[in-house]
Amino acid sequence: MSKKDDIPVWEKVAITKEEAAAYSNIGLNKLDEMMRNPRCNFVLHIGKKRLIKRKQFEEFIEKNIEI
């Protein structure tokens, strides 16, 4: 197990799409669709890699009743 795997998801600043899917119970395809939206404020672009800003993602889920 690597060092980055030792940090719980709820303590990370940015998480992968797979971690977000497991954390939120939202499917990978739906997350991918949401992340492609240019108005999506919880995506962090690092070169070609996309991560999810966990706090903004949680706020997005709390504010919406339907995705």
PDB file of N, CA and C in Angstrom:
ATOM      1  N   MET A   1       0.845  -1.180   0.000  1.00  0.00           N
ATOM      2  CA  MET A   1       0.000   0.000   0.000  1.00  0.00           C
ATOM      3  C   MET A   1       0.888   1.240   0.000  1.00  0.00           C
ATOM      4  N   SER A   2       0.590   2.169  -0.885  1.00  0.00           N
ATOM      5  CA  SER A   2       1.407   3.377  -0.976  1.00  0.00           C
ATOM      6  C   SER A   2       0.968   4.405   0.067  1.00  0.00           C
ATOM      7  N   LYS A   3       1.797   5.408   0.254  1.00  0.00           N
ATOM      8  CA  LYS A   3       1.540   6.448   1.253  1.00  0.00           C
ATOM      9  C   LYS A   3       0.243   7.208   0.965  1.00  0.00           C
ATOM     10  N   LYS A   4      -0.052   7.491  -0.320  1.00  0.00           N
ATOM     11  CA  LYS A   4      -1.256   8.255  -0.650  1.00  0.00           C
ATOM     12  C   LYS A   4      -2.535   7.477  -0.351  1.00  0.00           C
ATOM     13  N   ASP A   5      -2.457   6.147  -0.326  1.00  0.00           N
ATOM     14  CA  ASP A   5      -3.622   5.327  -0.011  1.00  0.00           C
ATOM     15  C   ASP A   5      -3.951   5.350   1.476  1.00  0.00           C
ATOM     16  N   ASP A   6      -3.031   5.790   2.305  1.00  0.00           N
ATOM     17  CA  ASP A   6      -3.245   5.820   3.746  1.00  0.00           C
ATOM     18  C   ASP A   6      -4.113   6.993   4.184  1.00  0.00           C
ATOM     19  N   ILE A   7      -4.289   7.990   3.340  1.00  0.00           N
ATOM     20  CA  ILE A   7      -5.069   9.177   3.686  1.00  0.00           C
ATOM     21  C   ILE A   7      -6.532   8.915   3.335  1.00  0.00           C
ATOM     22  N   PRO A   8      -7.446   9.048   4.311  1.00  0.00           N
ATOM     23  CA  PRO A   8      -8.862   8.833   4.013  1.00  0.00           C
ATOM     24  C   PRO A   8      -9.389   9.892   3.029  1.00  0.00           C
ATOM     25  N   VAL A   9     -10.370   9.522   2.237  1.00  0.00           N
ATOM     26  CA  VAL A   9     -10.926  10.419   1.213  1.00  0.00           C
ATOM     27  C   VAL A   9     -11.410  11.719   1.837  1.00  0.00           C
ATOM     28  N   TRP A  10     -12.068  11.655   2.986  1.00  0.00           N
ATOM     29  CA  TRP A  10     -12.641  12.856   3.602  1.00  0.00           C
ATOM     30  C   TRP A  10     -11.592  13.817   4.132  1.00  0.00           C
ATOM     31  N   GLU A  11     -10.312  13.426   4.109  1.00  0.00           N
ATOM     32  CA  GLU A  11      -9.237  14.322   4.527  1.00  0.00           C
ATOM     33  C   GLU A  11      -8.439  14.866   3.347  1.00  0.00           C
ATOM     34  N   LYS A  12      -8.709  14.386   2.141  1.00  0.00           N
ATOM     35  CA  LYS A  12      -7.986  14.835   0.954  1.00  0.00           C
ATOM     36  C   LYS A  12      -8.595  16.128   0.420  1.00  0.00           C
ATOM     37  N   VAL A  13      -7.769  16.954  -0.169  1.00  0.00           N
ATOM     38  CA  VAL A  13      -8.225  18.191  -0.793  1.00  0.00           C
ATOM     39  C   VAL A  13      -8.799  17.877  -2.172  1.00  0.00           C
ATOM     40  N   ALA A  14      -8.107  17.051  -2.928  1.00  0.00           N
ATOM     41  CA  ALA A  14      -8.536  16.665  -4.272  1.00  0.00           C
ATOM     42  C   ALA A  14      -8.568  15.142  -4.364  1.00  0.00           C
ATOM     43  N   ILE A  15      -9.604  14.636  -5.026  1.00  0.00           N
ATOM     44  CA  ILE A  15      -9.771  13.190  -5.155  1.00  0.00           C
ATOM     45  C   ILE A  15      -9.954  12.815  -6.621  1.00  0.00           C
ATOM     46  N   THR A  16      -9.697  11.556  -6.925  1.00  0.00           N
ATOM     47  CA  THR A  16      -9.875  11.072  -8.293  1.00  0.00           C
ATOM     48  C   THR A  16     -11.358  10.835  -8.568  1.00  0.00           C
ATOM     49  N   LYS A  17     -11.671  10.666  -9.832  1.00  0.00           N
ATOM     50  CA  LYS A  17     -13.045  10.381 -10.240  1.00  0.00           C
ATOM     51  C   LYS A  17     -13.530   9.080  -9.597  1.00  0.00           C
ATOM     52  N   GLU A  18     -12.657   8.094  -9.524  1.00  0.00           N
ATOM     53  CA  GLU A  18     -13.012   6.803  -8.933  1.00  0.00           C
ATOM     54  C   GLU A  18     -13.284   6.936  -7.430  1.00  0.00           C
ATOM     55  N   GLU A  19     -12.466   7.733  -6.745  1.00  0.00           N
ATOM     56  CA  GLU A  19     -12.693   7.970  -5.318  1.00  0.00           C
ATOM     57  C   GLU A  19     -14.004   8.719  -5.104  1.00  0.00           C
ATOM     58  N   ALA A  20     -14.284   9.704  -5.957  1.00  0.00           N
ATOM     59  CA  ALA A  20     -15.520  10.477  -5.850  1.00  0.00           C
ATOM     60  C   ALA A  20     -16.738   9.593  -6.088  1.00  0.00           C
ATOM     61  N   ALA A  21     -16.635   8.658  -7.024  1.00  0.00           N
ATOM     62  CA  ALA A  21     -17.743   7.747  -7.301  1.00  0.00           C
ATOM     63  C   ALA A  21     -18.024   6.874  -6.082  1.00  0.00           C
ATOM     64  N   ALA A  22     -16.990   6.337  -5.482  1.00  0.00           N
ATOM     65  CA  ALA A  22     -17.159   5.493  -4.300  1.00  0.00           C
ATOM     66  C   ALA A  22     -17.658   6.319  -3.111  1.00  0.00           C
ATOM     67  N   TYR A  23     -17.170   7.526  -2.971  1.00  0.00           N
ATOM     68  CA  TYR A  23     -17.501   8.413  -1.851  1.00  0.00           C
ATOM     69  C   TYR A  23     -18.947   8.901  -1.932  1.00  0.00           C
ATOM     70  N   SER A  24     -19.429   9.198  -3.143  1.00  0.00           N
ATOM     71  CA  SER A  24     -20.737   9.815  -3.318  1.00  0.00           C
ATOM     72  C   SER A  24     -21.818   8.854  -3.811  1.00  0.00           C
ATOM     73  N   ASN A  25     -21.414   7.685  -4.263  1.00  0.00           N
ATOM     74  CA  ASN A  25     -22.333   6.717  -4.856  1.00  0.00           C
ATOM     75  C   ASN A  25     -22.939   7.237  -6.169  1.00  0.00           C
ATOM     76  N   ILE A  26     -22.205   8.095  -6.859  1.00  0.00           N
ATOM     77  CA  ILE A  26     -22.571   8.570  -8.197  1.00  0.00           C
ATOM     78  C   ILE A  26     -21.713   7.796  -9.182  1.00  0.00           C
ATOM     79  N   GLY A  27     -22.307   7.338 -10.260  1.00  0.00           N
ATOM     80  CA  GLY A  27     -21.588   6.520 -11.226  1.00  0.00           C
ATOM     81  C   GLY A  27     -20.472   7.264 -11.950  1.00  0.00           C
ATOM     82  N   LEU A  28     -19.512   6.505 -12.451  1.00  0.00           N
ATOM     83  CA  LEU A  28     -18.369   7.091 -13.173  1.00  0.00           C
ATOM     84  C   LEU A  28     -18.805   7.833 -14.424  1.00  0.00           C
ATOM     85  N   ASN A  29     -19.762   7.285 -15.160  1.00  0.00           N
ATOM     86  CA  ASN A  29     -20.216   7.944 -16.385  1.00  0.00           C
ATOM     87  C   ASN A  29     -20.878   9.289 -16.075  1.00  0.00           C
ATOM     88  N   LYS A  30     -21.700   9.340 -15.034  1.00  0.00           N
ATOM     89  CA  LYS A  30     -22.355  10.585 -14.649  1.00  0.00           C
ATOM     90  C   LYS A  30     -21.321  11.602 -14.163  1.00  0.00           C
ATOM     91  N   LEU A  31     -20.353  11.164 -13.387  1.00  0.00           N
ATOM     92  CA  LEU A  31     -19.292  12.071 -12.933  1.00  0.00           C
ATOM     93  C   LEU A  31     -18.510  12.623 -14.119  1.00  0.00           C
ATOM     94  N   ASP A  32     -18.200  11.763 -15.073  1.00  0.00           N
ATOM     95  CA  ASP A  32     -17.476  12.194 -16.266  1.00  0.00           C
ATOM     96  C   ASP A  32     -18.271  13.249 -17.028  1.00  0.00           C
ATOM     97  N   GLU A  33     -19.561  13.034 -17.159  1.00  0.00           N
ATOM     98  CA  GLU A  33     -20.441  14.002 -17.833  1.00  0.00           C
ATOM     99  C   GLU A  33     -20.448  15.332 -17.086  1.00  0.00           C
ATOM    100  N   MET A  34     -20.551  15.289 -15.773  1.00  0.00           N
ATOM    101  CA  MET A  34     -20.558  16.502 -14.956  1.00  0.00           C
ATOM    102  C   MET A  34     -19.231  17.246 -15.072  1.00  0.00           C
ATOM    103  N   MET A  35     -18.122  16.510 -15.103  1.00  0.00           N
ATOM    104  CA  MET A  35     -16.795  17.118 -15.149  1.00  0.00           C
ATOM    105  C   MET A  35     -16.502  17.764 -16.499  1.00  0.00           C
ATOM    106  N   ARG A  36     -17.192  17.355 -17.546  1.00  0.00           N
ATOM    107  CA  ARG A  36     -16.995  17.960 -18.874  1.00  0.00           C
ATOM    108  C   ARG A  36     -17.695  19.310 -19.012  1.00  0.00           C
ATOM    109  N   ASN A  37     -18.627  19.600 -18.134  1.00  0.00           N
ATOM    110  CA  ASN A  37     -19.358  20.863 -18.172  1.00  0.00           C
ATOM    111  C   ASN A  37     -18.388  22.004 -17.831  1.00  0.00           C
ATOM    112  N   PRO A  38     -18.261  23.009 -18.701  1.00  0.00           N
ATOM    113  CA  PRO A  38     -17.319  24.113 -18.439  1.00  0.00           C
ATOM    114  C   PRO A  38     -17.667  24.927 -17.185  1.00  0.00           C
ATOM    115  N   ARG A  39     -18.917  24.880 -16.744  1.00  0.00           N
ATOM    116  CA  ARG A  39     -19.327  25.623 -15.545  1.00  0.00           C
ATOM    117  C   ARG A  39     -19.118  24.821 -14.262  1.00  0.00           C
ATOM    118  N   CYS A  40     -18.590  23.632 -14.367  1.00  0.00           N
ATOM    119  CA  CYS A  40     -18.355  22.775 -13.204  1.00  0.00           C
ATOM    120  C   CYS A  40     -17.236  23.378 -12.362  1.00  0.00           C
ATOM    121  N   ASN A  41     -17.561  23.772 -11.128  1.00  0.00           N
ATOM    122  CA  ASN A  41     -16.570  24.467 -10.294  1.00  0.00           C
ATOM    123  C   ASN A  41     -15.748  23.536  -9.412  1.00  0.00           C
ATOM    124  N   PHE A  42     -16.008  22.237  -9.453  1.00  0.00           N
ATOM    125  CA  PHE A  42     -15.259  21.336  -8.582  1.00  0.00           C
ATOM    126  C   PHE A  42     -14.184  20.532  -9.303  1.00  0.00           C
ATOM    127  N   VAL A  43     -13.897  20.876 -10.561  1.00  0.00           N
ATOM    128  CA  VAL A  43     -12.855  20.170 -11.313  1.00  0.00           C
ATOM    129  C   VAL A  43     -11.547  20.942 -11.236  1.00  0.00           C
ATOM    130  N   LEU A  44     -10.476  20.213 -10.968  1.00  0.00           N
ATOM    131  CA  LEU A  44      -9.129  20.769 -10.930  1.00  0.00           C
ATOM    132  C   LEU A  44      -8.340  20.130 -12.066  1.00  0.00           C
ATOM    133  N   HIS A  45      -7.877  20.946 -13.011  1.00  0.00           N
ATOM    134  CA  HIS A  45      -7.109  20.443 -14.152  1.00  0.00           C
ATOM    135  C   HIS A  45      -5.616  20.526 -13.838  1.00  0.00           C
ATOM    136  N   ILE A  46      -4.943  19.395 -13.966  1.00  0.00           N
ATOM    137  CA  ILE A  46      -3.495  19.337 -13.789  1.00  0.00           C
ATOM    138  C   ILE A  46      -2.955  18.711 -15.067  1.00  0.00           C
ATOM    139  N   GLY A  47      -2.585  19.562 -16.023  1.00  0.00           N
ATOM    140  CA  GLY A  47      -2.213  19.064 -17.345  1.00  0.00           C
ATOM    141  C   GLY A  47      -3.430  18.410 -17.977  1.00  0.00           C
ATOM    142  N   LYS A  48      -3.310  17.162 -18.372  1.00  0.00           N
ATOM    143  CA  LYS A  48      -4.443  16.426 -18.932  1.00  0.00           C
ATOM    144  C   LYS A  48      -5.246  15.698 -17.862  1.00  0.00           C
ATOM    145  N   LYS A  49      -4.712  15.664 -16.661  1.00  0.00           N
ATOM    146  CA  LYS A  49      -5.365  14.970 -15.560  1.00  0.00           C
ATOM    147  C   LYS A  49      -6.433  15.863 -14.932  1.00  0.00           C
ATOM    148  N   ARG A  50      -7.550  15.253 -14.560  1.00  0.00           N
ATOM    149  CA  ARG A  50      -8.627  15.986 -13.892  1.00  0.00           C
ATOM    150  C   ARG A  50      -8.883  15.358 -12.524  1.00  0.00           C
ATOM    151  N   LEU A  51      -8.882  16.198 -11.505  1.00  0.00           N
ATOM    152  CA  LEU A  51      -9.215  15.770 -10.156  1.00  0.00           C
ATOM    153  C   LEU A  51     -10.445  16.534  -9.695  1.00  0.00           C
ATOM    154  N   ILE A  52     -11.040  16.077  -8.625  1.00  0.00           N
ATOM    155  CA  ILE A  52     -12.228  16.711  -8.080  1.00  0.00           C
ATOM    156  C   ILE A  52     -11.872  17.351  -6.751  1.00  0.00           C
ATOM    157  N   LYS A  53     -12.202  18.640  -6.632  1.00  0.00           N
ATOM    158  CA  LYS A  53     -11.996  19.353  -5.367  1.00  0.00           C
ATOM    159  C   LYS A  53     -13.103  18.888  -4.423  1.00  0.00           C
ATOM    160  N   ARG A  54     -12.709  18.148  -3.405  1.00  0.00           N
ATOM    161  CA  ARG A  54     -13.670  17.452  -2.554  1.00  0.00           C
ATOM    162  C   ARG A  54     -14.681  18.386  -1.882  1.00  0.00           C
ATOM    163  N   LYS A  55     -14.252  19.465  -1.283  1.00  0.00           N
ATOM    164  CA  LYS A  55     -15.179  20.355  -0.572  1.00  0.00           C
ATOM    165  C   LYS A  55     -16.203  20.975  -1.512  1.00  0.00           C
ATOM    166  N   GLN A  56     -15.758  21.438  -2.681  1.00  0.00           N
ATOM    167  CA  GLN A  56     -16.680  22.012  -3.653  1.00  0.00           C
ATOM    168  C   GLN A  56     -17.646  20.948  -4.186  1.00  0.00           C
ATOM    169  N   PHE A  57     -17.150  19.717  -4.333  1.00  0.00           N
ATOM    170  CA  PHE A  57     -17.984  18.603  -4.773  1.00  0.00           C
ATOM    171  C   PHE A  57     -19.069  18.312  -3.733  1.00  0.00           C
ATOM    172  N   GLU A  58     -18.697  18.289  -2.468  1.00  0.00           N
ATOM    173  CA  GLU A  58     -19.666  18.072  -1.397  1.00  0.00           C
ATOM    174  C   GLU A  58     -20.709  19.195  -1.373  1.00  0.00           C
ATOM    175  N   GLU A  59     -20.269  20.443  -1.548  1.00  0.00           N
ATOM    176  CA  GLU A  59     -21.193  21.578  -1.574  1.00  0.00           C
ATOM    177  C   GLU A  59     -22.150  21.466  -2.755  1.00  0.00           C
ATOM    178  N   PHE A  60     -21.633  21.046  -3.917  1.00  0.00           N
ATOM    179  CA  PHE A  60     -22.463  20.865  -5.097  1.00  0.00           C
ATOM    180  C   PHE A  60     -23.554  19.838  -4.813  1.00  0.00           C
ATOM    181  N   ILE A  61     -23.204  18.742  -4.180  1.00  0.00           N
ATOM    182  CA  ILE A  61     -24.183  17.685  -3.873  1.00  0.00           C
ATOM    183  C   ILE A  61     -25.210  18.202  -2.866  1.00  0.00           C
ATOM    184  N   GLU A  62     -24.774  18.942  -1.862  1.00  0.00           N
ATOM    185  CA  GLU A  62     -25.700  19.471  -0.861  1.00  0.00           C
ATOM    186  C   GLU A  62     -26.693  20.462  -1.451  1.00  0.00           C
ATOM    187  N   LYS A  63     -26.279  21.262  -2.427  1.00  0.00           N
ATOM    188  CA  LYS A  63     -27.128  22.301  -3.004  1.00  0.00           C
ATOM    189  C   LYS A  63     -28.120  21.767  -4.028  1.00  0.00           C
ATOM    190  N   ASN A  64     -27.848  20.605  -4.598  1.00  0.00           N
ATOM    191  CA  ASN A  64     -28.704  20.076  -5.661  1.00  0.00           C
ATOM    192  C   ASN A  64     -29.550  18.921  -5.152  1.00  0.00           C
ATOM    193  N   ILE A  65     -30.791  18.889  -5.643  1.00  0.00           N
ATOM    194  CA  ILE A  65     -31.673  17.774  -5.272  1.00  0.00           C
ATOM    195  C   ILE A  65     -31.776  16.764  -6.398  1.00  0.00           C
ATOM    196  N   GLU A  66     -31.223  17.114  -7.553  1.00  0.00           N
ATOM    197  CA  GLU A  66     -31.260  16.228  -8.708  1.00  0.00           C
ATOM    198  C   GLU A  66     -30.010  16.454  -9.551  1.00  0.00           C
ATOM    199  N   ILE A  67     -29.440  15.360 -10.019  1.00  0.00           N
ATOM    200  CA  ILE A  67     -28.250  15.470 -10.850  1.00  0.00           C
ATOM    201  C   ILE A  67     -28.549  14.831 -12.193  1.00  0.00           C
TER     202      ILE A  67
END
